[in-house]
Amino acid sequence: KVCIWLVVASYLVGCANGLIHTNT
């Protein structure tokens, strides 16, 4: 469960980072 959450969190942060820079 911890491992899955760490991977999911990595993708959520990655998507947020990509969205912020692409949008601005």
PDBML (XML) file of the C-alpha atoms, coordinates in Angstrom:
<?xml version="1.0" encoding="UTF-8" ?>
<PDBx:datablock datablockName="MODEL"
   xmlns:PDBx="http://pdbml.pdb.org/schema/pdbx-v50.xsd"
   xmlns:xsi="http://www.w3.org/2001/XMLSchema-instance"
   xsi:schemaLocation="http://pdbml.pdb.org/schema/pdbx-v50.xsd pdbx-v50.xsd">
   <PDBx:atom_siteCategory>
      <PDBx:atom_site id="1">
         <PDBx:B_iso_or_equiv>0.00</PDBx:B_iso_or_equiv>
         <PDBx:Cartn_x>0.000</PDBx:Cartn_x>
         <PDBx:Cartn_y>0.000</PDBx:Cartn_y>
         <PDBx:Cartn_z>0.000</PDBx:Cartn_z>
         <PDBx:auth_asym_id>A</PDBx:auth_asym_id>
         <PDBx:auth_atom_id>CA</PDBx:auth_atom_id>
         <PDBx:auth_comp_id>LYS</PDBx:auth_comp_id>
         <PDBx:auth_seq_id>1</PDBx:auth_seq_id>
         <PDBx:group_PDB>ATOM</PDBx:group_PDB>
         <PDBx:label_alt_id xsi:nil="true" />
         <PDBx:label_asym_id>A</PDBx:label_asym_id>
         <PDBx:label_atom_id>CA</PDBx:label_atom_id>
         <PDBx:label_comp_id>LYS</PDBx:label_comp_id>
         <PDBx:label_entity_id>1</PDBx:label_entity_id>
         <PDBx:label_seq_id>1</PDBx:label_seq_id>
         <PDBx:occupancy>1.00</PDBx:occupancy>
         <PDBx:pdbx_PDB_model_num>1</PDBx:pdbx_PDB_model_num>
         <PDBx:type_symbol>C</PDBx:type_symbol>
      </PDBx:atom_site>
      <PDBx:atom_site id="2">
         <PDBx:B_iso_or_equiv>0.00</PDBx:B_iso_or_equiv>
         <PDBx:Cartn_x>2.831</PDBx:Cartn_x>
         <PDBx:Cartn_y>2.406</PDBx:Cartn_y>
         <PDBx:Cartn_z>0.891</PDBx:Cartn_z>
         <PDBx:auth_asym_id>A</PDBx:auth_asym_id>
         <PDBx:auth_atom_id>CA</PDBx:auth_atom_id>
         <PDBx:auth_comp_id>VAL</PDBx:auth_comp_id>
         <PDBx:auth_seq_id>2</PDBx:auth_seq_id>
         <PDBx:group_PDB>ATOM</PDBx:group_PDB>
         <PDBx:label_alt_id xsi:nil="true" />
         <PDBx:label_asym_id>A</PDBx:label_asym_id>
         <PDBx:label_atom_id>CA</PDBx:label_atom_id>
         <PDBx:label_comp_id>VAL</PDBx:label_comp_id>
         <PDBx:label_entity_id>1</PDBx:label_entity_id>
         <PDBx:label_seq_id>2</PDBx:label_seq_id>
         <PDBx:occupancy>1.00</PDBx:occupancy>
         <PDBx:pdbx_PDB_model_num>1</PDBx:pdbx_PDB_model_num>
         <PDBx:type_symbol>C</PDBx:type_symbol>
      </PDBx:atom_site>
      <PDBx:atom_site id="3">
         <PDBx:B_iso_or_equiv>0.00</PDBx:B_iso_or_equiv>
         <PDBx:Cartn_x>4.706</PDBx:Cartn_x>
         <PDBx:Cartn_y>1.589</PDBx:Cartn_y>
         <PDBx:Cartn_z>-2.320</PDBx:Cartn_z>
         <PDBx:auth_asym_id>A</PDBx:auth_asym_id>
         <PDBx:auth_atom_id>CA</PDBx:auth_atom_id>
         <PDBx:auth_comp_id>CYS</PDBx:auth_comp_id>
         <PDBx:auth_seq_id>3</PDBx:auth_seq_id>
         <PDBx:group_PDB>ATOM</PDBx:group_PDB>
         <PDBx:label_alt_id xsi:nil="true" />
         <PDBx:label_asym_id>A</PDBx:label_asym_id>
         <PDBx:label_atom_id>CA</PDBx:label_atom_id>
         <PDBx:label_comp_id>CYS</PDBx:label_comp_id>
         <PDBx:label_entity_id>1</PDBx:label_entity_id>
         <PDBx:label_seq_id>3</PDBx:label_seq_id>
         <PDBx:occupancy>1.00</PDBx:occupancy>
         <PDBx:pdbx_PDB_model_num>1</PDBx:pdbx_PDB_model_num>
         <PDBx:type_symbol>C</PDBx:type_symbol>
      </PDBx:atom_site>
      <PDBx:atom_site id="4">
         <PDBx:B_iso_or_equiv>0.00</PDBx:B_iso_or_equiv>
         <PDBx:Cartn_x>1.610</PDBx:Cartn_x>
         <PDBx:Cartn_y>2.177</PDBx:Cartn_y>
         <PDBx:Cartn_z>-4.455</PDBx:Cartn_z>
         <PDBx:auth_asym_id>A</PDBx:auth_asym_id>
         <PDBx:auth_atom_id>CA</PDBx:auth_atom_id>
         <PDBx:auth_comp_id>ILE</PDBx:auth_comp_id>
         <PDBx:auth_seq_id>4</PDBx:auth_seq_id>
         <PDBx:group_PDB>ATOM</PDBx:group_PDB>
         <PDBx:label_alt_id xsi:nil="true" />
         <PDBx:label_asym_id>A</PDBx:label_asym_id>
         <PDBx:label_atom_id>CA</PDBx:label_atom_id>
         <PDBx:label_comp_id>ILE</PDBx:label_comp_id>
         <PDBx:label_entity_id>1</PDBx:label_entity_id>
         <PDBx:label_seq_id>4</PDBx:label_seq_id>
         <PDBx:occupancy>1.00</PDBx:occupancy>
         <PDBx:pdbx_PDB_model_num>1</PDBx:pdbx_PDB_model_num>
         <PDBx:type_symbol>C</PDBx:type_symbol>
      </PDBx:atom_site>
      <PDBx:atom_site id="5">
         <PDBx:B_iso_or_equiv>0.00</PDBx:B_iso_or_equiv>
         <PDBx:Cartn_x>0.966</PDBx:Cartn_x>
         <PDBx:Cartn_y>5.505</PDBx:Cartn_y>
         <PDBx:Cartn_z>-2.752</PDBx:Cartn_z>
         <PDBx:auth_asym_id>A</PDBx:auth_asym_id>
         <PDBx:auth_atom_id>CA</PDBx:auth_atom_id>
         <PDBx:auth_comp_id>TRP</PDBx:auth_comp_id>
         <PDBx:auth_seq_id>5</PDBx:auth_seq_id>
         <PDBx:group_PDB>ATOM</PDBx:group_PDB>
         <PDBx:label_alt_id xsi:nil="true" />
         <PDBx:label_asym_id>A</PDBx:label_asym_id>
         <PDBx:label_atom_id>CA</PDBx:label_atom_id>
         <PDBx:label_comp_id>TRP</PDBx:label_comp_id>
         <PDBx:label_entity_id>1</PDBx:label_entity_id>
         <PDBx:label_seq_id>5</PDBx:label_seq_id>
         <PDBx:occupancy>1.00</PDBx:occupancy>
         <PDBx:pdbx_PDB_model_num>1</PDBx:pdbx_PDB_model_num>
         <PDBx:type_symbol>C</PDBx:type_symbol>
      </PDBx:atom_site>
      <PDBx:atom_site id="6">
         <PDBx:B_iso_or_equiv>0.00</PDBx:B_iso_or_equiv>
         <PDBx:Cartn_x>4.575</PDBx:Cartn_x>
         <PDBx:Cartn_y>6.606</PDBx:Cartn_y>
         <PDBx:Cartn_z>-3.330</PDBx:Cartn_z>
         <PDBx:auth_asym_id>A</PDBx:auth_asym_id>
         <PDBx:auth_atom_id>CA</PDBx:auth_atom_id>
         <PDBx:auth_comp_id>LEU</PDBx:auth_comp_id>
         <PDBx:auth_seq_id>6</PDBx:auth_seq_id>
         <PDBx:group_PDB>ATOM</PDBx:group_PDB>
         <PDBx:label_alt_id xsi:nil="true" />
         <PDBx:label_asym_id>A</PDBx:label_asym_id>
         <PDBx:label_atom_id>CA</PDBx:label_atom_id>
         <PDBx:label_comp_id>LEU</PDBx:label_comp_id>
         <PDBx:label_entity_id>1</PDBx:label_entity_id>
         <PDBx:label_seq_id>6</PDBx:label_seq_id>
         <PDBx:occupancy>1.00</PDBx:occupancy>
         <PDBx:pdbx_PDB_model_num>1</PDBx:pdbx_PDB_model_num>
         <PDBx:type_symbol>C</PDBx:type_symbol>
      </PDBx:atom_site>
      <PDBx:atom_site id="7">
         <PDBx:B_iso_or_equiv>0.00</PDBx:B_iso_or_equiv>
         <PDBx:Cartn_x>4.281</PDBx:Cartn_x>
         <PDBx:Cartn_y>5.826</PDBx:Cartn_y>
         <PDBx:Cartn_z>-7.042</PDBx:Cartn_z>
         <PDBx:auth_asym_id>A</PDBx:auth_asym_id>
         <PDBx:auth_atom_id>CA</PDBx:auth_atom_id>
         <PDBx:auth_comp_id>VAL</PDBx:auth_comp_id>
         <PDBx:auth_seq_id>7</PDBx:auth_seq_id>
         <PDBx:group_PDB>ATOM</PDBx:group_PDB>
         <PDBx:label_alt_id xsi:nil="true" />
         <PDBx:label_asym_id>A</PDBx:label_asym_id>
         <PDBx:label_atom_id>CA</PDBx:label_atom_id>
         <PDBx:label_comp_id>VAL</PDBx:label_comp_id>
         <PDBx:label_entity_id>1</PDBx:label_entity_id>
         <PDBx:label_seq_id>7</PDBx:label_seq_id>
         <PDBx:occupancy>1.00</PDBx:occupancy>
         <PDBx:pdbx_PDB_model_num>1</PDBx:pdbx_PDB_model_num>
         <PDBx:type_symbol>C</PDBx:type_symbol>
      </PDBx:atom_site>
      <PDBx:atom_site id="8">
         <PDBx:B_iso_or_equiv>0.00</PDBx:B_iso_or_equiv>
         <PDBx:Cartn_x>0.858</PDBx:Cartn_x>
         <PDBx:Cartn_y>7.492</PDBx:Cartn_y>
         <PDBx:Cartn_z>-7.323</PDBx:Cartn_z>
         <PDBx:auth_asym_id>A</PDBx:auth_asym_id>
         <PDBx:auth_atom_id>CA</PDBx:auth_atom_id>
         <PDBx:auth_comp_id>VAL</PDBx:auth_comp_id>
         <PDBx:auth_seq_id>8</PDBx:auth_seq_id>
         <PDBx:group_PDB>ATOM</PDBx:group_PDB>
         <PDBx:label_alt_id xsi:nil="true" />
         <PDBx:label_asym_id>A</PDBx:label_asym_id>
         <PDBx:label_atom_id>CA</PDBx:label_atom_id>
         <PDBx:label_comp_id>VAL</PDBx:label_comp_id>
         <PDBx:label_entity_id>1</PDBx:label_entity_id>
         <PDBx:label_seq_id>8</PDBx:label_seq_id>
         <PDBx:occupancy>1.00</PDBx:occupancy>
         <PDBx:pdbx_PDB_model_num>1</PDBx:pdbx_PDB_model_num>
         <PDBx:type_symbol>C</PDBx:type_symbol>
      </PDBx:atom_site>
      <PDBx:atom_site id="9">
         <PDBx:B_iso_or_equiv>0.00</PDBx:B_iso_or_equiv>
         <PDBx:Cartn_x>2.182</PDBx:Cartn_x>
         <PDBx:Cartn_y>10.578</PDBx:Cartn_y>
         <PDBx:Cartn_z>-5.505</PDBx:Cartn_z>
         <PDBx:auth_asym_id>A</PDBx:auth_asym_id>
         <PDBx:auth_atom_id>CA</PDBx:auth_atom_id>
         <PDBx:auth_comp_id>ALA</PDBx:auth_comp_id>
         <PDBx:auth_seq_id>9</PDBx:auth_seq_id>
         <PDBx:group_PDB>ATOM</PDBx:group_PDB>
         <PDBx:label_alt_id xsi:nil="true" />
         <PDBx:label_asym_id>A</PDBx:label_asym_id>
         <PDBx:label_atom_id>CA</PDBx:label_atom_id>
         <PDBx:label_comp_id>ALA</PDBx:label_comp_id>
         <PDBx:label_entity_id>1</PDBx:label_entity_id>
         <PDBx:label_seq_id>9</PDBx:label_seq_id>
         <PDBx:occupancy>1.00</PDBx:occupancy>
         <PDBx:pdbx_PDB_model_num>1</PDBx:pdbx_PDB_model_num>
         <PDBx:type_symbol>C</PDBx:type_symbol>
      </PDBx:atom_site>
      <PDBx:atom_site id="10">
         <PDBx:B_iso_or_equiv>0.00</PDBx:B_iso_or_equiv>
         <PDBx:Cartn_x>5.117</PDBx:Cartn_x>
         <PDBx:Cartn_y>10.724</PDBx:Cartn_y>
         <PDBx:Cartn_z>-7.947</PDBx:Cartn_z>
         <PDBx:auth_asym_id>A</PDBx:auth_asym_id>
         <PDBx:auth_atom_id>CA</PDBx:auth_atom_id>
         <PDBx:auth_comp_id>SER</PDBx:auth_comp_id>
         <PDBx:auth_seq_id>10</PDBx:auth_seq_id>
         <PDBx:group_PDB>ATOM</PDBx:group_PDB>
         <PDBx:label_alt_id xsi:nil="true" />
         <PDBx:label_asym_id>A</PDBx:label_asym_id>
         <PDBx:label_atom_id>CA</PDBx:label_atom_id>
         <PDBx:label_comp_id>SER</PDBx:label_comp_id>
         <PDBx:label_entity_id>1</PDBx:label_entity_id>
         <PDBx:label_seq_id>10</PDBx:label_seq_id>
         <PDBx:occupancy>1.00</PDBx:occupancy>
         <PDBx:pdbx_PDB_model_num>1</PDBx:pdbx_PDB_model_num>
         <PDBx:type_symbol>C</PDBx:type_symbol>
      </PDBx:atom_site>
      <PDBx:atom_site id="11">
         <PDBx:B_iso_or_equiv>0.00</PDBx:B_iso_or_equiv>
         <PDBx:Cartn_x>2.751</PDBx:Cartn_x>
         <PDBx:Cartn_y>10.779</PDBx:Cartn_y>
         <PDBx:Cartn_z>-10.911</PDBx:Cartn_z>
         <PDBx:auth_asym_id>A</PDBx:auth_asym_id>
         <PDBx:auth_atom_id>CA</PDBx:auth_atom_id>
         <PDBx:auth_comp_id>TYR</PDBx:auth_comp_id>
         <PDBx:auth_seq_id>11</PDBx:auth_seq_id>
         <PDBx:group_PDB>ATOM</PDBx:group_PDB>
         <PDBx:label_alt_id xsi:nil="true" />
         <PDBx:label_asym_id>A</PDBx:label_asym_id>
         <PDBx:label_atom_id>CA</PDBx:label_atom_id>
         <PDBx:label_comp_id>TYR</PDBx:label_comp_id>
         <PDBx:label_entity_id>1</PDBx:label_entity_id>
         <PDBx:label_seq_id>11</PDBx:label_seq_id>
         <PDBx:occupancy>1.00</PDBx:occupancy>
         <PDBx:pdbx_PDB_model_num>1</PDBx:pdbx_PDB_model_num>
         <PDBx:type_symbol>C</PDBx:type_symbol>
      </PDBx:atom_site>
      <PDBx:atom_site id="12">
         <PDBx:B_iso_or_equiv>0.00</PDBx:B_iso_or_equiv>
         <PDBx:Cartn_x>0.436</PDBx:Cartn_x>
         <PDBx:Cartn_y>13.343</PDBx:Cartn_y>
         <PDBx:Cartn_z>-9.309</PDBx:Cartn_z>
         <PDBx:auth_asym_id>A</PDBx:auth_asym_id>
         <PDBx:auth_atom_id>CA</PDBx:auth_atom_id>
         <PDBx:auth_comp_id>LEU</PDBx:auth_comp_id>
         <PDBx:auth_seq_id>12</PDBx:auth_seq_id>
         <PDBx:group_PDB>ATOM</PDBx:group_PDB>
         <PDBx:label_alt_id xsi:nil="true" />
         <PDBx:label_asym_id>A</PDBx:label_asym_id>
         <PDBx:label_atom_id>CA</PDBx:label_atom_id>
         <PDBx:label_comp_id>LEU</PDBx:label_comp_id>
         <PDBx:label_entity_id>1</PDBx:label_entity_id>
         <PDBx:label_seq_id>12</PDBx:label_seq_id>
         <PDBx:occupancy>1.00</PDBx:occupancy>
         <PDBx:pdbx_PDB_model_num>1</PDBx:pdbx_PDB_model_num>
         <PDBx:type_symbol>C</PDBx:type_symbol>
      </PDBx:atom_site>
      <PDBx:atom_site id="13">
         <PDBx:B_iso_or_equiv>0.00</PDBx:B_iso_or_equiv>
         <PDBx:Cartn_x>3.359</PDBx:Cartn_x>
         <PDBx:Cartn_y>15.699</PDBx:Cartn_y>
         <PDBx:Cartn_z>-8.654</PDBx:Cartn_z>
         <PDBx:auth_asym_id>A</PDBx:auth_asym_id>
         <PDBx:auth_atom_id>CA</PDBx:auth_atom_id>
         <PDBx:auth_comp_id>VAL</PDBx:auth_comp_id>
         <PDBx:auth_seq_id>13</PDBx:auth_seq_id>
         <PDBx:group_PDB>ATOM</PDBx:group_PDB>
         <PDBx:label_alt_id xsi:nil="true" />
         <PDBx:label_asym_id>A</PDBx:label_asym_id>
         <PDBx:label_atom_id>CA</PDBx:label_atom_id>
         <PDBx:label_comp_id>VAL</PDBx:label_comp_id>
         <PDBx:label_entity_id>1</PDBx:label_entity_id>
         <PDBx:label_seq_id>13</PDBx:label_seq_id>
         <PDBx:occupancy>1.00</PDBx:occupancy>
         <PDBx:pdbx_PDB_model_num>1</PDBx:pdbx_PDB_model_num>
         <PDBx:type_symbol>C</PDBx:type_symbol>
      </PDBx:atom_site>
      <PDBx:atom_site id="14">
         <PDBx:B_iso_or_equiv>0.00</PDBx:B_iso_or_equiv>
         <PDBx:Cartn_x>4.658</PDBx:Cartn_x>
         <PDBx:Cartn_y>15.091</PDBx:Cartn_y>
         <PDBx:Cartn_z>-12.184</PDBx:Cartn_z>
         <PDBx:auth_asym_id>A</PDBx:auth_asym_id>
         <PDBx:auth_atom_id>CA</PDBx:auth_atom_id>
         <PDBx:auth_comp_id>GLY</PDBx:auth_comp_id>
         <PDBx:auth_seq_id>14</PDBx:auth_seq_id>
         <PDBx:group_PDB>ATOM</PDBx:group_PDB>
         <PDBx:label_alt_id xsi:nil="true" />
         <PDBx:label_asym_id>A</PDBx:label_asym_id>
         <PDBx:label_atom_id>CA</PDBx:label_atom_id>
         <PDBx:label_comp_id>GLY</PDBx:label_comp_id>
         <PDBx:label_entity_id>1</PDBx:label_entity_id>
         <PDBx:label_seq_id>14</PDBx:label_seq_id>
         <PDBx:occupancy>1.00</PDBx:occupancy>
         <PDBx:pdbx_PDB_model_num>1</PDBx:pdbx_PDB_model_num>
         <PDBx:type_symbol>C</PDBx:type_symbol>
      </PDBx:atom_site>
      <PDBx:atom_site id="15">
         <PDBx:B_iso_or_equiv>0.00</PDBx:B_iso_or_equiv>
         <PDBx:Cartn_x>1.276</PDBx:Cartn_x>
         <PDBx:Cartn_y>15.857</PDBx:Cartn_y>
         <PDBx:Cartn_z>-13.754</PDBx:Cartn_z>
         <PDBx:auth_asym_id>A</PDBx:auth_asym_id>
         <PDBx:auth_atom_id>CA</PDBx:auth_atom_id>
         <PDBx:auth_comp_id>CYS</PDBx:auth_comp_id>
         <PDBx:auth_seq_id>15</PDBx:auth_seq_id>
         <PDBx:group_PDB>ATOM</PDBx:group_PDB>
         <PDBx:label_alt_id xsi:nil="true" />
         <PDBx:label_asym_id>A</PDBx:label_asym_id>
         <PDBx:label_atom_id>CA</PDBx:label_atom_id>
         <PDBx:label_comp_id>CYS</PDBx:label_comp_id>
         <PDBx:label_entity_id>1</PDBx:label_entity_id>
         <PDBx:label_seq_id>15</PDBx:label_seq_id>
         <PDBx:occupancy>1.00</PDBx:occupancy>
         <PDBx:pdbx_PDB_model_num>1</PDBx:pdbx_PDB_model_num>
         <PDBx:type_symbol>C</PDBx:type_symbol>
      </PDBx:atom_site>
      <PDBx:atom_site id="16">
         <PDBx:B_iso_or_equiv>0.00</PDBx:B_iso_or_equiv>
         <PDBx:Cartn_x>0.918</PDBx:Cartn_x>
         <PDBx:Cartn_y>19.024</PDBx:Cartn_y>
         <PDBx:Cartn_z>-11.654</PDBx:Cartn_z>
         <PDBx:auth_asym_id>A</PDBx:auth_asym_id>
         <PDBx:auth_atom_id>CA</PDBx:auth_atom_id>
         <PDBx:auth_comp_id>ALA</PDBx:auth_comp_id>
         <PDBx:auth_seq_id>16</PDBx:auth_seq_id>
         <PDBx:group_PDB>ATOM</PDBx:group_PDB>
         <PDBx:label_alt_id xsi:nil="true" />
         <PDBx:label_asym_id>A</PDBx:label_asym_id>
         <PDBx:label_atom_id>CA</PDBx:label_atom_id>
         <PDBx:label_comp_id>ALA</PDBx:label_comp_id>
         <PDBx:label_entity_id>1</PDBx:label_entity_id>
         <PDBx:label_seq_id>16</PDBx:label_seq_id>
         <PDBx:occupancy>1.00</PDBx:occupancy>
         <PDBx:pdbx_PDB_model_num>1</PDBx:pdbx_PDB_model_num>
         <PDBx:type_symbol>C</PDBx:type_symbol>
      </PDBx:atom_site>
      <PDBx:atom_site id="17">
         <PDBx:B_iso_or_equiv>0.00</PDBx:B_iso_or_equiv>
         <PDBx:Cartn_x>4.429</PDBx:Cartn_x>
         <PDBx:Cartn_y>20.172</PDBx:Cartn_y>
         <PDBx:Cartn_z>-12.609</PDBx:Cartn_z>
         <PDBx:auth_asym_id>A</PDBx:auth_asym_id>
         <PDBx:auth_atom_id>CA</PDBx:auth_atom_id>
         <PDBx:auth_comp_id>ASN</PDBx:auth_comp_id>
         <PDBx:auth_seq_id>17</PDBx:auth_seq_id>
         <PDBx:group_PDB>ATOM</PDBx:group_PDB>
         <PDBx:label_alt_id xsi:nil="true" />
         <PDBx:label_asym_id>A</PDBx:label_asym_id>
         <PDBx:label_atom_id>CA</PDBx:label_atom_id>
         <PDBx:label_comp_id>ASN</PDBx:label_comp_id>
         <PDBx:label_entity_id>1</PDBx:label_entity_id>
         <PDBx:label_seq_id>17</PDBx:label_seq_id>
         <PDBx:occupancy>1.00</PDBx:occupancy>
         <PDBx:pdbx_PDB_model_num>1</PDBx:pdbx_PDB_model_num>
         <PDBx:type_symbol>C</PDBx:type_symbol>
      </PDBx:atom_site>
      <PDBx:atom_site id="18">
         <PDBx:B_iso_or_equiv>0.00</PDBx:B_iso_or_equiv>
         <PDBx:Cartn_x>3.797</PDBx:Cartn_x>
         <PDBx:Cartn_y>19.561</PDBx:Cartn_y>
         <PDBx:Cartn_z>-16.306</PDBx:Cartn_z>
         <PDBx:auth_asym_id>A</PDBx:auth_asym_id>
         <PDBx:auth_atom_id>CA</PDBx:auth_atom_id>
         <PDBx:auth_comp_id>GLY</PDBx:auth_comp_id>
         <PDBx:auth_seq_id>18</PDBx:auth_seq_id>
         <PDBx:group_PDB>ATOM</PDBx:group_PDB>
         <PDBx:label_alt_id xsi:nil="true" />
         <PDBx:label_asym_id>A</PDBx:label_asym_id>
         <PDBx:label_atom_id>CA</PDBx:label_atom_id>
         <PDBx:label_comp_id>GLY</PDBx:label_comp_id>
         <PDBx:label_entity_id>1</PDBx:label_entity_id>
         <PDBx:label_seq_id>18</PDBx:label_seq_id>
         <PDBx:occupancy>1.00</PDBx:occupancy>
         <PDBx:pdbx_PDB_model_num>1</PDBx:pdbx_PDB_model_num>
         <PDBx:type_symbol>C</PDBx:type_symbol>
      </PDBx:atom_site>
      <PDBx:atom_site id="19">
         <PDBx:B_iso_or_equiv>0.00</PDBx:B_iso_or_equiv>
         <PDBx:Cartn_x>0.415</PDBx:Cartn_x>
         <PDBx:Cartn_y>21.297</PDBx:Cartn_y>
         <PDBx:Cartn_z>-16.185</PDBx:Cartn_z>
         <PDBx:auth_asym_id>A</PDBx:auth_asym_id>
         <PDBx:auth_atom_id>CA</PDBx:auth_atom_id>
         <PDBx:auth_comp_id>LEU</PDBx:auth_comp_id>
         <PDBx:auth_seq_id>19</PDBx:auth_seq_id>
         <PDBx:group_PDB>ATOM</PDBx:group_PDB>
         <PDBx:label_alt_id xsi:nil="true" />
         <PDBx:label_asym_id>A</PDBx:label_asym_id>
         <PDBx:label_atom_id>CA</PDBx:label_atom_id>
         <PDBx:label_comp_id>LEU</PDBx:label_comp_id>
         <PDBx:label_entity_id>1</PDBx:label_entity_id>
         <PDBx:label_seq_id>19</PDBx:label_seq_id>
         <PDBx:occupancy>1.00</PDBx:occupancy>
         <PDBx:pdbx_PDB_model_num>1</PDBx:pdbx_PDB_model_num>
         <PDBx:type_symbol>C</PDBx:type_symbol>
      </PDBx:atom_site>
      <PDBx:atom_site id="20">
         <PDBx:B_iso_or_equiv>0.00</PDBx:B_iso_or_equiv>
         <PDBx:Cartn_x>1.741</PDBx:Cartn_x>
         <PDBx:Cartn_y>24.404</PDBx:Cartn_y>
         <PDBx:Cartn_z>-14.414</PDBx:Cartn_z>
         <PDBx:auth_asym_id>A</PDBx:auth_asym_id>
         <PDBx:auth_atom_id>CA</PDBx:auth_atom_id>
         <PDBx:auth_comp_id>ILE</PDBx:auth_comp_id>
         <PDBx:auth_seq_id>20</PDBx:auth_seq_id>
         <PDBx:group_PDB>ATOM</PDBx:group_PDB>
         <PDBx:label_alt_id xsi:nil="true" />
         <PDBx:label_asym_id>A</PDBx:label_asym_id>
         <PDBx:label_atom_id>CA</PDBx:label_atom_id>
         <PDBx:label_comp_id>ILE</PDBx:label_comp_id>
         <PDBx:label_entity_id>1</PDBx:label_entity_id>
         <PDBx:label_seq_id>20</PDBx:label_seq_id>
         <PDBx:occupancy>1.00</PDBx:occupancy>
         <PDBx:pdbx_PDB_model_num>1</PDBx:pdbx_PDB_model_num>
         <PDBx:type_symbol>C</PDBx:type_symbol>
      </PDBx:atom_site>
      <PDBx:atom_site id="21">
         <PDBx:B_iso_or_equiv>0.00</PDBx:B_iso_or_equiv>
         <PDBx:Cartn_x>4.672</PDBx:Cartn_x>
         <PDBx:Cartn_y>24.968</PDBx:Cartn_y>
         <PDBx:Cartn_z>-16.791</PDBx:Cartn_z>
         <PDBx:auth_asym_id>A</PDBx:auth_asym_id>
         <PDBx:auth_atom_id>CA</PDBx:auth_atom_id>
         <PDBx:auth_comp_id>HIS</PDBx:auth_comp_id>
         <PDBx:auth_seq_id>21</PDBx:auth_seq_id>
         <PDBx:group_PDB>ATOM</PDBx:group_PDB>
         <PDBx:label_alt_id xsi:nil="true" />
         <PDBx:label_asym_id>A</PDBx:label_asym_id>
         <PDBx:label_atom_id>CA</PDBx:label_atom_id>
         <PDBx:label_comp_id>HIS</PDBx:label_comp_id>
         <PDBx:label_entity_id>1</PDBx:label_entity_id>
         <PDBx:label_seq_id>21</PDBx:label_seq_id>
         <PDBx:occupancy>1.00</PDBx:occupancy>
         <PDBx:pdbx_PDB_model_num>1</PDBx:pdbx_PDB_model_num>
         <PDBx:type_symbol>C</PDBx:type_symbol>
      </PDBx:atom_site>
      <PDBx:atom_site id="22">
         <PDBx:B_iso_or_equiv>0.00</PDBx:B_iso_or_equiv>
         <PDBx:Cartn_x>2.766</PDBx:Cartn_x>
         <PDBx:Cartn_y>24.076</PDBx:Cartn_y>
         <PDBx:Cartn_z>-19.952</PDBx:Cartn_z>
         <PDBx:auth_asym_id>A</PDBx:auth_asym_id>
         <PDBx:auth_atom_id>CA</PDBx:auth_atom_id>
         <PDBx:auth_comp_id>THR</PDBx:auth_comp_id>
         <PDBx:auth_seq_id>22</PDBx:auth_seq_id>
         <PDBx:group_PDB>ATOM</PDBx:group_PDB>
         <PDBx:label_alt_id xsi:nil="true" />
         <PDBx:label_asym_id>A</PDBx:label_asym_id>
         <PDBx:label_atom_id>CA</PDBx:label_atom_id>
         <PDBx:label_comp_id>THR</PDBx:label_comp_id>
         <PDBx:label_entity_id>1</PDBx:label_entity_id>
         <PDBx:label_seq_id>22</PDBx:label_seq_id>
         <PDBx:occupancy>1.00</PDBx:occupancy>
         <PDBx:pdbx_PDB_model_num>1</PDBx:pdbx_PDB_model_num>
         <PDBx:type_symbol>C</PDBx:type_symbol>
      </PDBx:atom_site>
      <PDBx:atom_site id="23">
         <PDBx:B_iso_or_equiv>0.00</PDBx:B_iso_or_equiv>
         <PDBx:Cartn_x>-0.154</PDBx:Cartn_x>
         <PDBx:Cartn_y>26.323</PDBx:Cartn_y>
         <PDBx:Cartn_z>-19.043</PDBx:Cartn_z>
         <PDBx:auth_asym_id>A</PDBx:auth_asym_id>
         <PDBx:auth_atom_id>CA</PDBx:auth_atom_id>
         <PDBx:auth_comp_id>ASN</PDBx:auth_comp_id>
         <PDBx:auth_seq_id>23</PDBx:auth_seq_id>
         <PDBx:group_PDB>ATOM</PDBx:group_PDB>
         <PDBx:label_alt_id xsi:nil="true" />
         <PDBx:label_asym_id>A</PDBx:label_asym_id>
         <PDBx:label_atom_id>CA</PDBx:label_atom_id>
         <PDBx:label_comp_id>ASN</PDBx:label_comp_id>
         <PDBx:label_entity_id>1</PDBx:label_entity_id>
         <PDBx:label_seq_id>23</PDBx:label_seq_id>
         <PDBx:occupancy>1.00</PDBx:occupancy>
         <PDBx:pdbx_PDB_model_num>1</PDBx:pdbx_PDB_model_num>
         <PDBx:type_symbol>C</PDBx:type_symbol>
      </PDBx:atom_site>
      <PDBx:atom_site id="24">
         <PDBx:B_iso_or_equiv>0.00</PDBx:B_iso_or_equiv>
         <PDBx:Cartn_x>1.960</PDBx:Cartn_x>
         <PDBx:Cartn_y>29.338</PDBx:Cartn_y>
         <PDBx:Cartn_z>-18.067</PDBx:Cartn_z>
         <PDBx:auth_asym_id>A</PDBx:auth_asym_id>
         <PDBx:auth_atom_id>CA</PDBx:auth_atom_id>
         <PDBx:auth_comp_id>THR</PDBx:auth_comp_id>
         <PDBx:auth_seq_id>24</PDBx:auth_seq_id>
         <PDBx:group_PDB>ATOM</PDBx:group_PDB>
         <PDBx:label_alt_id xsi:nil="true" />
         <PDBx:label_asym_id>A</PDBx:label_asym_id>
         <PDBx:label_atom_id>CA</PDBx:label_atom_id>
         <PDBx:label_comp_id>THR</PDBx:label_comp_id>
         <PDBx:label_entity_id>1</PDBx:label_entity_id>
         <PDBx:label_seq_id>24</PDBx:label_seq_id>
         <PDBx:occupancy>1.00</PDBx:occupancy>
         <PDBx:pdbx_PDB_model_num>1</PDBx:pdbx_PDB_model_num>
         <PDBx:type_symbol>C</PDBx:type_symbol>
      </PDBx:atom_site>
   </PDBx:atom_siteCategory>
</PDBx:datablock>
